[in-house]
Amino acid sequence: MPRQDEWLLGDLAAELDMSYITLYAWLGCGWVKGERGDFVTKLNKTWHEKNKMPRNASIEERINWHIAHARNCACRPIPDKLKLEIENRKKPVVR
């Protein structure tokens, strides 16, 4: 659980009404300071059980799954190649 003066990345993105992906990129660039704590690495088992990646998923299915995953689970980041594809497409994150 984050301390009083800390935010989970997804919560901060929602509070700022911005894309989780953009905020995550800012973290990688050093424009936002943060650390990966134990509370961030936990798997949202319930979400994963209900939202399996489709077998032989298309690029669109992969993008949609990873965007939903980033909103609901912090077990791992969106793969770099897919983040680049998302940014190139400028796909808005649906709330």
Protein backbone atom coordinates (compact mmCIF):
# COMPACT_ATOMS: atom_id res chain seq x y z
CA MET A 1 0.00 0.00 0.00
CA PRO A 2 1.44 3.40 -0.90
CA ARG A 3 2.21 5.91 1.83
CA GLN A 4 0.12 9.07 2.21
CA ASP A 5 2.37 11.13 -0.08
CA GLU A 6 2.67 8.42 -2.77
CA TRP A 7 0.51 7.38 -5.72
CA LEU A 8 0.07 4.22 -7.70
CA LEU A 9 0.74 5.00 -11.34
CA GLY A 10 -2.79 4.09 -12.50
CA ASP A 11 -4.38 6.19 -9.75
CA LEU A 12 -2.21 9.21 -10.56
CA ALA A 13 -2.98 8.91 -14.28
CA ALA A 14 -6.71 8.85 -13.48
CA GLU A 15 -6.39 11.82 -11.10
CA LEU A 16 -4.56 13.82 -13.78
CA ASP A 17 -6.98 12.59 -16.47
CA MET A 18 -4.11 11.38 -18.62
CA SER A 19 -3.03 8.18 -20.29
CA TYR A 20 -1.35 5.59 -18.08
CA ILE A 21 1.00 4.89 -20.98
CA THR A 22 2.09 8.53 -21.19
CA LEU A 23 2.67 8.75 -17.45
CA TYR A 24 4.61 5.48 -17.55
CA ALA A 25 6.76 6.91 -20.37
CA TRP A 26 7.38 10.05 -18.29
CA LEU A 27 8.52 7.81 -15.44
CA GLY A 28 10.97 6.11 -17.82
CA CYS A 29 12.28 9.49 -19.01
CA GLY A 30 12.78 10.67 -15.45
CA TRP A 31 10.17 13.44 -15.73
CA VAL A 32 8.24 11.80 -12.89
CA LYS A 33 10.03 10.25 -9.94
CA GLY A 34 8.97 6.85 -8.72
CA GLU A 35 10.03 3.44 -7.61
CA ARG A 36 8.73 -0.06 -8.00
CA GLY A 37 7.59 -1.11 -4.54
CA ASP A 38 6.19 -4.41 -3.34
CA PHE A 39 2.67 -3.03 -3.56
CA VAL A 40 3.11 -2.33 -7.29
CA THR A 41 4.36 -5.76 -8.28
CA LYS A 42 1.31 -7.68 -7.08
CA LEU A 43 -0.72 -9.61 -9.60
CA ASN A 44 -4.44 -8.94 -9.94
CA LYS A 45 -5.34 -12.64 -10.16
CA THR A 46 -9.08 -12.02 -10.51
CA TRP A 47 -8.57 -9.73 -13.50
CA HIS A 48 -6.15 -12.15 -15.17
CA GLU A 49 -8.55 -15.08 -14.73
CA LYS A 50 -11.36 -13.14 -16.43
CA ASN A 51 -9.23 -11.52 -19.16
CA LYS A 52 -7.06 -13.99 -21.00
CA MET A 53 -5.00 -12.81 -23.95
CA PRO A 54 -6.67 -14.32 -27.05
CA ARG A 55 -4.75 -17.15 -28.70
CA ASN A 56 -2.90 -15.88 -31.82
CA ALA A 57 -4.05 -12.35 -30.94
CA SER A 58 -3.99 -9.68 -33.62
CA ILE A 59 -2.05 -6.47 -32.97
CA GLU A 60 -5.35 -4.69 -32.17
CA GLU A 61 -6.33 -7.41 -29.67
CA ARG A 62 -2.87 -7.20 -28.07
CA ILE A 63 -3.04 -3.41 -27.79
CA ASN A 64 -6.53 -3.50 -26.27
CA TRP A 65 -5.57 -6.27 -23.83
CA HIS A 66 -2.41 -4.50 -22.67
CA ILE A 67 -4.19 -1.15 -22.20
CA ALA A 68 -6.86 -2.86 -20.09
CA HIS A 69 -4.13 -4.77 -18.24
CA ALA A 70 -2.24 -1.57 -17.42
CA ARG A 71 -5.41 -0.14 -15.86
CA ASN A 72 -6.19 -3.20 -13.77
CA CYS A 73 -2.93 -4.89 -12.84
CA ALA A 74 0.59 -3.75 -12.11
CA CYS A 75 2.35 -7.09 -12.43
CA ARG A 76 4.37 -5.98 -15.46
CA PRO A 77 4.61 -3.02 -17.82
CA ILE A 78 3.42 -2.91 -21.42
CA PRO A 79 6.19 -4.35 -23.64
CA ASP A 80 8.35 -1.63 -25.22
CA LYS A 81 7.57 -2.67 -28.81
CA LEU A 82 3.86 -2.53 -28.10
CA LYS A 83 4.15 0.85 -26.33
CA LEU A 84 5.84 2.20 -29.43
CA GLU A 85 3.06 0.79 -31.64
CA ILE A 86 0.41 2.35 -29.37
CA GLU A 87 2.14 5.74 -29.45
CA ASN A 88 2.53 5.54 -33.24
CA ARG A 89 -1.17 4.85 -33.60
CA LYS A 90 -2.03 7.48 -30.98
CA LYS A 91 -4.72 5.14 -29.71
CA PRO A 92 -6.70 6.91 -26.99
CA VAL A 93 -7.11 5.08 -23.72
CA VAL A 94 -10.82 4.48 -23.21
CA ARG A 95 -12.01 5.12 -19.66
